[in-house]
Amino acid sequence: MKPLSQMNVIPFIDVMLVLLAVVLTTATFVAQGKIPVSLPSATQAEPVPVSESFELTIDAVGQVYLAEKPMSLEQLAEQLDTVDRDAHLLLRVDEATPFGHFVAVVDLMKARGMENLSIITRSGAG
């Protein structure tokens, strides 16, 4: 039997490729957000620039979430008072949400001078 003079790296490469596949697969789920909402479609949407941002979500029944934490409109107003008015806000709204909930959240933001808002949609029609 011949002594090993070099380390066999093939098993290491196999493990790394499996880990890479797992990371790439789960990364798509993280980007979609953890609160299930059915986003409306838009054909003229532009990509959101990558930057530091806060995510606001309104689900189908009108529940508001800030950074995936459920809260009332009053609690949201208090939280928005602590956020820099130039902060970038991402708004994810379920397509079944009554329009009044959307208007209430945008009104809270407007009252605080927050105008850096992106509304997240699905690309394409239908």
Protein backbone atom coordinates (compact mmCIF):
# COMPACT_ATOMS: atom_id res chain seq x y z
CA MET A 1 0.00 0.00 0.00
CA LYS A 2 1.30 3.38 -1.01
CA PRO A 3 1.32 6.22 1.57
CA LEU A 4 -0.77 9.28 0.80
CA SER A 5 1.45 12.15 -0.20
CA GLN A 6 -1.38 14.59 -1.06
CA MET A 7 -4.74 15.39 0.46
CA ASN A 8 -7.77 14.20 -1.51
CA VAL A 9 -9.92 17.34 -2.07
CA ILE A 10 -12.67 15.74 -4.16
CA PRO A 11 -14.95 14.99 -1.15
CA PHE A 12 -14.43 18.59 0.05
CA ILE A 13 -15.47 19.95 -3.36
CA ASP A 14 -18.56 17.70 -3.37
CA VAL A 15 -19.66 19.02 0.04
CA MET A 16 -19.08 22.62 -1.03
CA LEU A 17 -21.16 22.18 -4.20
CA VAL A 18 -24.04 20.73 -2.16
CA LEU A 19 -23.85 23.66 0.28
CA LEU A 20 -23.81 26.12 -2.62
CA ALA A 21 -26.93 24.50 -4.10
CA VAL A 22 -28.72 24.74 -0.73
CA VAL A 23 -27.78 28.41 -0.30
CA LEU A 24 -28.89 29.35 -3.82
CA THR A 25 -32.18 27.49 -3.41
CA THR A 26 -33.06 29.09 -0.09
CA ALA A 27 -31.94 32.57 -1.19
CA THR A 28 -34.93 32.81 -3.55
CA PHE A 29 -37.31 32.18 -0.65
CA VAL A 30 -35.65 34.82 1.52
CA ALA A 31 -35.96 37.46 -1.22
CA GLN A 32 -39.73 36.89 -1.47
CA GLY A 33 -40.38 37.73 2.17
CA LYS A 34 -41.79 35.54 4.92
CA ILE A 35 -45.29 37.01 5.09
CA PRO A 36 -47.36 35.40 2.35
CA VAL A 37 -48.92 38.05 0.11
CA SER A 38 -50.13 37.77 -3.45
CA LEU A 39 -48.50 40.75 -5.13
CA PRO A 40 -50.29 42.53 -7.96
CA SER A 41 -48.74 42.48 -11.44
CA ALA A 42 -47.24 45.47 -13.24
CA THR A 43 -45.75 45.52 -16.73
CA GLN A 44 -43.96 48.88 -16.37
CA ALA A 45 -42.24 48.20 -13.05
CA GLU A 46 -38.58 49.08 -12.52
CA PRO A 47 -36.15 47.11 -10.37
CA VAL A 48 -35.70 48.34 -6.81
CA PRO A 49 -32.16 49.63 -6.17
CA VAL A 50 -30.22 47.66 -3.60
CA SER A 51 -29.89 49.80 -0.49
CA GLU A 52 -30.68 49.91 3.20
CA SER A 53 -34.46 49.82 3.44
CA PHE A 54 -37.40 49.02 5.68
CA GLU A 55 -40.09 46.63 4.53
CA LEU A 56 -43.77 47.32 5.19
CA THR A 57 -46.23 44.57 4.36
CA ILE A 58 -50.04 44.62 4.29
CA ASP A 59 -51.65 41.19 3.98
CA ALA A 60 -55.03 40.29 2.42
CA VAL A 61 -56.99 41.08 5.62
CA GLY A 62 -55.28 44.43 6.14
CA GLN A 63 -52.81 43.45 8.89
CA VAL A 64 -49.75 45.71 8.78
CA TYR A 65 -46.23 44.37 9.37
CA LEU A 66 -43.03 46.38 9.78
CA ALA A 67 -39.95 44.21 9.31
CA GLU A 68 -42.22 41.14 9.61
CA LYS A 69 -43.54 42.25 13.01
CA PRO A 70 -47.36 42.66 13.14
CA MET A 71 -48.64 45.99 14.45
CA SER A 72 -51.62 48.30 14.48
CA LEU A 73 -51.68 51.61 12.61
CA GLU A 74 -51.04 53.43 15.89
CA GLN A 75 -47.97 51.30 16.59
CA LEU A 76 -46.82 51.82 13.00
CA ALA A 77 -47.15 55.59 13.44
CA GLU A 78 -44.94 55.41 16.56
CA GLN A 79 -42.36 53.29 14.72
CA LEU A 80 -42.33 55.62 11.71
CA ASP A 81 -41.58 58.53 14.05
CA THR A 82 -38.27 56.80 14.90
CA VAL A 83 -37.30 56.11 11.27
CA ASP A 84 -35.28 58.65 9.30
CA ARG A 85 -37.58 60.47 6.88
CA ASP A 86 -35.11 59.82 4.03
CA ALA A 87 -35.12 56.05 4.65
CA HIS A 88 -36.10 53.85 1.72
CA LEU A 89 -39.37 52.03 2.42
CA LEU A 90 -40.47 48.93 0.51
CA LEU A 91 -44.24 48.43 0.50
CA ARG A 92 -45.59 44.93 -0.22
CA VAL A 93 -49.38 44.92 -0.44
CA ASP A 94 -51.51 41.87 -1.15
CA GLU A 95 -53.66 42.39 -4.25
CA ALA A 96 -56.78 41.46 -2.22
CA THR A 97 -56.13 44.15 0.42
CA PRO A 98 -58.90 46.77 0.63
CA PHE A 99 -57.60 50.04 -0.81
CA GLY A 100 -58.35 51.90 2.42
CA HIS A 101 -55.57 50.03 4.27
CA PHE A 102 -53.05 51.02 1.61
CA VAL A 103 -54.17 54.66 1.77
CA ALA A 104 -53.95 54.69 5.59
CA VAL A 105 -50.33 53.48 5.54
CA VAL A 106 -49.30 55.88 2.78
CA ASP A 107 -51.03 58.71 4.68
CA LEU A 108 -48.98 57.91 7.82
CA MET A 109 -45.81 58.06 5.76
CA LYS A 110 -46.79 61.27 3.98
CA ALA A 111 -47.62 62.96 7.31
CA ARG A 112 -44.02 62.31 8.39
CA GLY A 113 -42.49 63.59 5.15
CA MET A 114 -41.43 60.10 4.03
CA GLU A 115 -41.47 60.04 0.25
CA ASN A 116 -38.80 57.48 -0.63
CA LEU A 117 -41.21 54.61 -1.29
CA SER A 118 -41.12 51.60 -3.61
CA ILE A 119 -44.21 49.46 -4.13
CA ILE A 120 -43.24 45.84 -4.75
CA THR A 121 -45.12 44.01 -7.54
CA ARG A 122 -44.79 40.88 -9.67
CA SER A 123 -43.43 41.46 -13.14
CA GLY A 124 -45.66 40.81 -16.13
CA ALA A 125 -49.41 40.86 -16.68
CA GLY A 126 -51.89 38.47 -15.18
